[in-house]
């Protein structure tokens, strides 16, 4: 993963890398329907787990932008899950080449990095080492 997406929160960074790997594999498998759907299912599960983990940390530390951040998670998940159990059209294929991954990466840049900065600024007050 490009260094500009690194939060310096080991577990979340590791999850981001796993998700990016699945997105890349999904894009490469776009012409293999069976593999593509299997990867999509895996991606949905990884996203759900990751978003739950991230939101749990936010709630524990009373992150003030939690609701806004959660909405972006739901938007990404809704977009990705919208492709489940359906045959892809040519328009879907064109959109899927970049759109869901772009949403995910933008979310890291615009919201996850703000959350990481919040934790870093408040480490002492929050009891984080």
Protein backbone atom coordinates (compact mmCIF):
# COMPACT_ATOMS: atom_id res chain seq x y z
CA UNK A 1 0.00 0.00 0.00
CA UNK A 2 1.25 3.46 -0.86
CA UNK A 3 2.74 5.15 2.22
CA UNK A 4 0.27 8.05 2.01
CA UNK A 5 -2.42 5.61 3.20
CA UNK A 6 -0.52 4.42 6.29
CA UNK A 7 -2.18 5.33 9.60
CA UNK A 8 0.54 3.94 11.86
CA UNK A 9 -2.10 1.85 13.59
CA UNK A 10 -0.68 -1.60 12.92
CA UNK A 11 -3.86 -3.67 12.93
CA UNK A 12 -5.85 -1.21 10.81
CA UNK A 13 -2.97 -0.76 8.35
CA UNK A 14 -2.72 -4.53 8.00
CA UNK A 15 -6.46 -4.78 7.33
CA UNK A 16 -6.25 -1.97 4.76
CA UNK A 17 -3.50 -3.87 2.94
CA UNK A 18 -5.56 -7.09 2.92
CA UNK A 19 -8.57 -5.24 1.55
CA UNK A 20 -6.48 -3.52 -1.12
CA UNK A 21 -5.11 -6.92 -2.18
CA UNK A 22 -8.63 -8.29 -2.57
CA UNK A 23 -9.72 -5.22 -4.57
CA UNK A 24 -6.78 -5.74 -6.93
CA UNK A 25 -7.58 -9.45 -7.30
CA UNK A 26 -11.24 -8.58 -7.88
CA UNK A 27 -10.34 -6.21 -10.68
CA UNK A 28 -8.09 -8.85 -12.27
CA UNK A 29 -10.82 -11.50 -12.07
CA UNK A 30 -13.54 -9.40 -13.63
CA UNK A 31 -13.80 -11.77 -16.62
CA UNK A 32 -13.98 -14.92 -14.44
CA UNK A 33 -17.50 -14.85 -13.02
CA UNK A 34 -17.07 -17.63 -10.43
CA UNK A 35 -13.76 -16.32 -9.08
CA UNK A 36 -15.05 -12.76 -9.15
CA UNK A 37 -18.10 -13.60 -7.02
CA UNK A 38 -15.95 -15.58 -4.54
CA UNK A 39 -13.58 -12.62 -4.20
CA UNK A 40 -16.52 -10.24 -3.82
CA UNK A 41 -17.89 -12.33 -0.95
CA UNK A 42 -14.47 -12.34 0.68
CA UNK A 43 -14.20 -8.58 0.21
CA UNK A 44 -17.61 -7.97 1.80
CA UNK A 45 -16.64 -10.03 4.85
CA UNK A 46 -13.25 -8.29 5.21
CA UNK A 47 -14.87 -4.86 4.89
CA UNK A 48 -17.51 -5.69 7.51
CA UNK A 49 -14.86 -6.93 9.93
CA UNK A 50 -12.58 -3.96 9.30
CA UNK A 51 -15.34 -1.39 9.64
CA UNK A 52 -16.55 -3.02 12.85
CA UNK A 53 -13.00 -2.97 14.28
CA UNK A 54 -12.43 0.64 13.29
CA UNK A 55 -15.81 1.80 14.60
CA UNK A 56 -15.25 -0.07 17.87
CA UNK A 57 -12.01 1.82 18.43
CA UNK A 58 -13.79 5.08 17.61
CA UNK A 59 -16.52 4.39 20.15
CA UNK A 60 -14.04 3.41 22.86
CA UNK A 61 -12.15 6.68 22.42
CA UNK A 62 -15.28 8.82 21.89
CA UNK A 63 -14.16 9.97 18.46
CA UNK A 64 -16.21 13.11 17.70
CA UNK A 65 -16.55 12.34 13.97
CA UNK A 66 -17.76 8.77 14.53
CA UNK A 67 -21.21 9.17 12.92
CA UNK A 68 -19.84 10.79 9.76
CA UNK A 69 -17.13 8.14 9.49
CA UNK A 70 -19.62 5.34 9.98
CA UNK A 71 -21.79 6.74 7.16
CA UNK A 72 -18.87 6.51 4.75
CA UNK A 73 -18.31 2.88 5.81
CA UNK A 74 -21.95 2.12 5.09
CA UNK A 75 -21.72 3.80 1.68
CA UNK A 76 -18.68 1.74 0.70
CA UNK A 77 -20.27 -1.48 1.92
CA UNK A 78 -23.55 -0.71 0.15
CA UNK A 79 -21.68 -0.05 -3.10
CA UNK A 80 -19.70 -3.28 -2.89
CA UNK A 81 -22.65 -5.40 -1.73
CA UNK A 82 -24.74 -4.01 -4.57
CA UNK A 83 -22.80 -6.25 -6.96
CA UNK A 84 -23.60 -9.48 -5.10
CA UNK A 85 -25.90 -12.06 -6.67
CA UNK A 86 -26.19 -10.36 -10.01
CA UNK A 87 -24.64 -10.71 -13.42
CA UNK A 88 -22.38 -7.90 -14.43
CA UNK A 89 -23.22 -5.65 -17.32
CA UNK A 90 -20.53 -3.94 -19.37
CA UNK A 91 -21.32 -0.72 -17.49
CA UNK A 92 -20.77 -2.58 -14.18
CA UNK A 93 -17.43 -3.87 -15.39
CA UNK A 94 -16.32 -0.38 -16.37
CA UNK A 95 -17.44 1.04 -13.01
CA UNK A 96 -15.89 -1.78 -10.98
CA UNK A 97 -12.46 -1.40 -12.46
CA UNK A 98 -11.83 1.50 -10.08
CA UNK A 99 -14.89 2.89 -8.29
CA UNK A 100 -15.20 0.80 -5.07
CA UNK A 101 -11.46 0.80 -4.47
CA UNK A 102 -11.35 4.54 -5.09
CA UNK A 103 -14.09 5.06 -2.50
CA UNK A 104 -12.09 2.97 -0.03
CA UNK A 105 -8.81 4.81 -0.66
CA UNK A 106 -10.50 8.22 -0.49
CA UNK A 107 -12.06 7.21 2.82
CA UNK A 108 -8.60 6.39 4.19
CA UNK A 109 -7.22 9.74 3.02
CA UNK A 110 -10.13 11.89 4.14
CA UNK A 111 -11.37 10.16 7.29
CA UNK A 112 -9.07 7.42 8.55
CA UNK A 113 -6.07 9.73 8.61
CA UNK A 114 -8.11 12.29 10.61
CA UNK A 115 -9.02 9.54 13.07
CA UNK A 116 -5.37 8.47 13.38
CA UNK A 117 -4.36 12.11 13.96
CA UNK A 118 -7.06 12.39 16.66
CA UNK A 119 -5.64 9.33 18.43
CA UNK A 120 -2.09 10.62 18.09
CA UNK A 121 -2.95 14.10 19.40
CA UNK A 122 -4.83 12.63 22.35
CA UNK A 123 -2.61 9.65 23.20
CA UNK A 124 -1.75 10.78 26.68
CA UNK A 125 -5.28 11.86 27.58
CA UNK A 126 -6.71 8.63 26.14
CA UNK A 127 -4.12 6.42 27.83
CA UNK A 128 -2.61 5.12 24.57
CA UNK A 129 1.07 4.21 24.42
